[in-house]
Structures are given as C-alpha cells and as structure tokens.
C-alpha atoms as a PDB file:
ATOM      1  CA  UNK A   1     -90.107  46.957 247.470  1.00  0.00           C
ATOM      2  CA  UNK A   2     -87.540  47.208 244.349  1.00  0.00           C
ATOM      3  CA  UNK A   3     -84.802  49.833 242.836  1.00  0.00           C
ATOM      4  CA  UNK A   4     -82.946  49.738 239.851  1.00  0.00           C
ATOM      5  CA  UNK A   5     -80.317  52.098 238.739  1.00  0.00           C
ATOM      6  CA  UNK A   6     -80.075  53.223 235.022  1.00  0.00           C
ATOM      7  CA  UNK A   7     -77.438  55.657 233.025  1.00  0.00           C
ATOM      8  CA  UNK A   8     -73.972  54.404 233.581  1.00  0.00           C
ATOM      9  CA  UNK A   9     -71.913  54.346 231.082  1.00  0.00           C
ATOM     10  CA  UNK A  10     -68.113  55.100 230.116  1.00  0.00           C
ATOM     11  CA  UNK A  11     -67.270  59.211 229.671  1.00  0.00           C
ATOM     12  CA  UNK A  12     -64.520  61.476 229.408  1.00  0.00           C
ATOM     13  CA  UNK A  13     -63.465  63.825 232.281  1.00  0.00           C
ATOM     14  CA  UNK A  14     -65.324  67.043 232.387  1.00  0.00           C
ATOM     15  CA  UNK A  15     -68.807  65.337 230.747  1.00  0.00           C
ATOM     16  CA  UNK A  16     -71.719  64.471 232.375  1.00  0.00           C
ATOM     17  CA  UNK A  17     -74.012  61.834 232.816  1.00  0.00           C
ATOM     18  CA  UNK A  18     -77.778  61.794 234.018  1.00  0.00           C
ATOM     19  CA  UNK A  19     -78.647  58.080 236.109  1.00  0.00           C
ATOM     20  CA  UNK A  20     -81.812  57.333 237.291  1.00  0.00           C
ATOM     21  CA  UNK A  21     -83.639  54.952 239.948  1.00  0.00           C
ATOM     22  CA  UNK A  22     -86.696  53.560 238.937  1.00  0.00           C
ATOM     23  CA  UNK A  23     -88.912  52.718 242.249  1.00  0.00           C
ATOM     24  CA  UNK A  24     -91.611  50.198 242.416  1.00  0.00           C
ATOM     25  CA  UNK A  25     -93.720  48.485 245.153  1.00  0.00           C
ATOM     26  CA  UNK A  26     -93.305  52.127 246.976  1.00  0.00           C
ATOM     27  CA  UNK A  27     -93.819  55.808 246.227  1.00  0.00           C
ATOM     28  CA  UNK A  28     -90.736  58.606 245.788  1.00  0.00           C
ATOM     29  CA  UNK A  29     -93.473  60.402 247.679  1.00  0.00           C
ATOM     30  CA  UNK A  30     -93.015  59.031 250.729  1.00  0.00           C
ATOM     31  CA  UNK A  31     -89.990  57.253 251.430  1.00  0.00           C
ATOM     32  CA  UNK A  32     -86.288  59.111 250.874  1.00  0.00           C
ATOM     33  CA  UNK A  33     -83.734  57.981 248.380  1.00  0.00           C
ATOM     34  CA  UNK A  34     -79.925  57.526 248.653  1.00  0.00           C
ATOM     35  CA  UNK A  35     -77.353  57.632 246.095  1.00  0.00           C
ATOM     36  CA  UNK A  36     -74.301  55.722 246.932  1.00  0.00           C
ATOM     37  CA  UNK A  37     -71.307  54.672 245.209  1.00  0.00           C
ATOM     38  CA  UNK A  38     -68.759  52.211 245.571  1.00  0.00           C
ATOM     39  CA  UNK A  39     -65.056  52.053 244.065  1.00  0.00           C
ATOM     40  CA  UNK A  40     -63.231  48.570 243.820  1.00  0.00           C
ATOM     41  CA  UNK A  41     -61.402  48.142 246.598  1.00  0.00           C
ATOM     42  CA  UNK A  42     -62.895  50.757 248.413  1.00  0.00           C
ATOM     43  CA  UNK A  43     -65.488  51.352 250.796  1.00  0.00           C
ATOM     44  CA  UNK A  44     -68.796  52.421 250.052  1.00  0.00           C
ATOM     45  CA  UNK A  45     -69.519  56.114 249.858  1.00  0.00           C
ATOM     46  CA  UNK A  46     -72.485  58.220 250.025  1.00  0.00           C
ATOM     47  CA  UNK A  47     -73.115  60.674 247.532  1.00  0.00           C
ATOM     48  CA  UNK A  48     -76.397  62.123 248.267  1.00  0.00           C
ATOM     49  CA  UNK A  49     -80.356  61.791 249.233  1.00  0.00           C
ATOM     50  CA  UNK A  50     -83.263  63.343 248.850  1.00  0.00           C
ATOM     51  CA  UNK A  51     -86.468  64.101 251.435  1.00  0.00           C
ATOM     52  CA  UNK A  52     -89.561  62.741 250.435  1.00  0.00           C
ATOM     53  CA  UNK A  53     -91.608  65.611 252.897  1.00  0.00           C
ATOM     54  CA  UNK A  54     -89.997  68.624 251.685  1.00  0.00           C
ATOM     55  CA  UNK A  55     -87.536  68.003 248.274  1.00  0.00           C
ATOM     56  CA  UNK A  56     -84.718  68.678 250.822  1.00  0.00           C
ATOM     57  CA  UNK A  57     -81.514  67.243 249.604  1.00  0.00           C
ATOM     58  CA  UNK A  58     -77.918  66.538 251.191  1.00  0.00           C
ATOM     59  CA  UNK A  59     -74.384  65.904 249.516  1.00  0.00           C
ATOM     60  CA  UNK A  60     -71.479  64.266 250.007  1.00  0.00           C
ATOM     61  CA  UNK A  61     -68.506  66.535 249.927  1.00  0.00           C
ATOM     62  CA  UNK A  62     -66.866  65.200 247.250  1.00  0.00           C
ATOM     63  CA  UNK A  63     -69.931  66.182 244.466  1.00  0.00           C
ATOM     64  CA  UNK A  64     -71.236  69.209 246.072  1.00  0.00           C
ATOM     65  CA  UNK A  65     -71.771  71.920 243.289  1.00  0.00           C
ATOM     66  CA  UNK A  66     -71.377  68.862 240.575  1.00  0.00           C
ATOM     67  CA  UNK A  67     -73.926  66.287 241.288  1.00  0.00           C
ATOM     68  CA  UNK A  68     -77.630  67.322 241.857  1.00  0.00           C
ATOM     69  CA  UNK A  69     -80.175  64.790 243.060  1.00  0.00           C
ATOM     70  CA  UNK A  70     -84.161  65.453 241.898  1.00  0.00           C
ATOM     71  CA  UNK A  71     -87.172  62.994 241.496  1.00  0.00           C
ATOM     72  CA  UNK A  72     -90.077  62.865 239.523  1.00  0.00           C
ATOM     73  CA  UNK A  73     -92.987  61.979 241.261  1.00  0.00           C
ATOM     74  CA  UNK A  74     -95.021  61.051 238.120  1.00  0.00           C
ATOM     75  CA  UNK A  75     -92.554  58.795 237.165  1.00  0.00           C
ATOM     76  CA  UNK A  76     -91.548  57.320 240.714  1.00  0.00           C
ATOM     77  CA  UNK A  77     -87.715  58.281 239.652  1.00  0.00           C
ATOM     78  CA  UNK A  78     -85.019  59.632 241.518  1.00  0.00           C
ATOM     79  CA  UNK A  79     -82.378  61.160 238.938  1.00  0.00           C
ATOM     80  CA  UNK A  80     -78.565  61.976 239.565  1.00  0.00           C
ATOM     81  CA  UNK A  81     -77.569  64.558 237.393  1.00  0.00           C
ATOM     82  CA  UNK A  82     -73.479  64.136 237.371  1.00  0.00           C
ATOM     83  CA  UNK A  83     -71.527  67.126 235.920  1.00  0.00           C
ATOM     84  CA  UNK A  84     -67.832  68.059 235.648  1.00  0.00           C
ATOM     85  CA  UNK A  85     -67.352  64.279 236.062  1.00  0.00           C
ATOM     86  CA  UNK A  86     -63.486  63.426 237.425  1.00  0.00           C
ATOM     87  CA  UNK A  87     -61.760  60.072 237.038  1.00  0.00           C
ATOM     88  CA  UNK A  88     -62.222  59.393 241.014  1.00  0.00           C
ATOM     89  CA  UNK A  89     -66.060  59.573 240.226  1.00  0.00           C
ATOM     90  CA  UNK A  90     -65.658  55.953 238.740  1.00  0.00           C
ATOM     91  CA  UNK A  91     -67.484  53.181 240.972  1.00  0.00           C
ATOM     92  CA  UNK A  92     -70.792  51.676 240.598  1.00  0.00           C
ATOM     93  CA  UNK A  93     -73.481  53.620 241.684  1.00  0.00           C
ATOM     94  CA  UNK A  94     -76.587  52.509 243.612  1.00  0.00           C
ATOM     95  CA  UNK A  95     -79.962  53.930 244.736  1.00  0.00           C
ATOM     96  CA  UNK A  96     -81.120  52.837 248.057  1.00  0.00           C
ATOM     97  CA  UNK A  97     -83.846  53.808 250.455  1.00  0.00           C
ATOM     98  CA  UNK A  98     -84.864  52.633 253.889  1.00  0.00           C
ATOM     99  CA  UNK A  99     -88.747  53.451 255.390  1.00  0.00           C
ATOM    100  CA  UNK A 100     -87.434  54.466 258.452  1.00  0.00           C
ATOM    101  CA  UNK A 101     -84.355  56.784 257.694  1.00  0.00           C
ATOM    102  CA  UNK A 102     -84.748  60.059 256.619  1.00  0.00           C
ATOM    103  CA  UNK A 103     -82.629  61.499 254.542  1.00  0.00           C
ATOM    104  CA  UNK A 104     -79.237  63.446 256.282  1.00  0.00           C
ATOM    105  CA  UNK A 105     -75.377  63.535 256.773  1.00  0.00           C
ATOM    106  CA  UNK A 106     -75.839  60.419 258.834  1.00  0.00           C
ATOM    107  CA  UNK A 107     -77.376  58.015 256.109  1.00  0.00           C
ATOM    108  CA  UNK A 108     -74.950  59.208 253.603  1.00  0.00           C
ATOM    109  CA  UNK A 109     -72.429  58.256 256.132  1.00  0.00           C
ATOM    110  CA  UNK A 110     -73.677  55.215 257.697  1.00  0.00           C
ATOM    111  CA  UNK A 111     -75.387  53.390 254.632  1.00  0.00           C
ATOM    112  CA  UNK A 112     -75.600  50.142 256.037  1.00  0.00           C
ATOM    113  CA  UNK A 113     -78.715  51.231 257.709  1.00  0.00           C
ATOM    114  CA  UNK A 114     -80.563  51.363 254.432  1.00  0.00           C
ATOM    115  CA  UNK A 115     -82.765  48.190 253.759  1.00  0.00           C
ATOM    116  CA  UNK A 116     -83.547  48.165 250.222  1.00  0.00           C
ATOM    117  CA  UNK A 117     -81.301  48.475 247.544  1.00  0.00           C
ATOM    118  CA  UNK A 118     -81.110  48.175 243.921  1.00  0.00           C
ATOM    119  CA  UNK A 119     -78.663  46.858 241.413  1.00  0.00           C
ATOM    120  CA  UNK A 120     -75.821  49.278 240.592  1.00  0.00           C
ATOM    121  CA  UNK A 121     -75.434  50.778 237.629  1.00  0.00           C
ATOM    122  CA  UNK A 122     -71.266  51.813 236.785  1.00  0.00           C
ATOM    123  CA  UNK A 123     -69.848  54.967 235.888  1.00  0.00           C
ATOM    124  CA  UNK A 124     -66.545  55.138 234.192  1.00  0.00           C
ATOM    125  CA  UNK A 125     -64.733  58.133 234.065  1.00  0.00           C
ATOM    126  CA  UNK A 126     -61.367  58.122 231.837  1.00  0.00           C
ATOM    127  CA  UNK A 127     -58.716  60.819 232.367  1.00  0.00           C
END
C-alpha cells in the first residue's frame, strides 16, 4: 500500500492549487481517502475525505466552500482542488487511508487512526 501526494507549491493568497494523491497497492474504488495538513508548530488537521462507496465528501470547517475533493478511478487518484488560498492554508499536506475507517468527520478529527500515509507535499501561501 502506497500513497504519494503531489502538486504543492508556492502561491499567493487568492490563488488555486490542485493536489493529487496517487494510490498504489489498493483501489480508491474500495477504500476511503483523506487529506490532512500540518503546519509547523501546529497539530495535524483534517482537511477532507471522500467515501469510496458513494463519493460522499466531508470537509473541515476551515476549508468548506474553498476546497473540493474528488477522485479519478481510472487513475486511482484522489484530488484536492484548493481555491481562494489563504496564508493560513500554508502547511504540509498528506493523504492517508485506513481500510477500516470510513470517511467521516471523526476521521478528520482523529487522524491518528489512519494506518497508511503518503509523503507530504508542501503548500505555501504568501500574503
């Protein structure tokens, strides 16, 4: 099982970025994927997750209305479209999965239950 996040970069406030989480060793058709982020000196924060069964999505309060999670089954990839970026969105972004934990607000809050994590991608938003 492997996850790899791509797409981070340095942008200005108000810009957009799309992160990609490429999965291997399992199918995003069957297992839910979550996006999390961690800024220096801060606790890890749940950003969003998507259900494999019905595509249902959950978002953290700080990104609702600005970020959109989606998946491409053919590419076995989950995306995080980030619009209207703010300096406070600056963090390392990670994707993760757990074969027993469905996408929910609880997963975003208790990210330590996720078993598989990819290497992060850095997002820096300048003001």
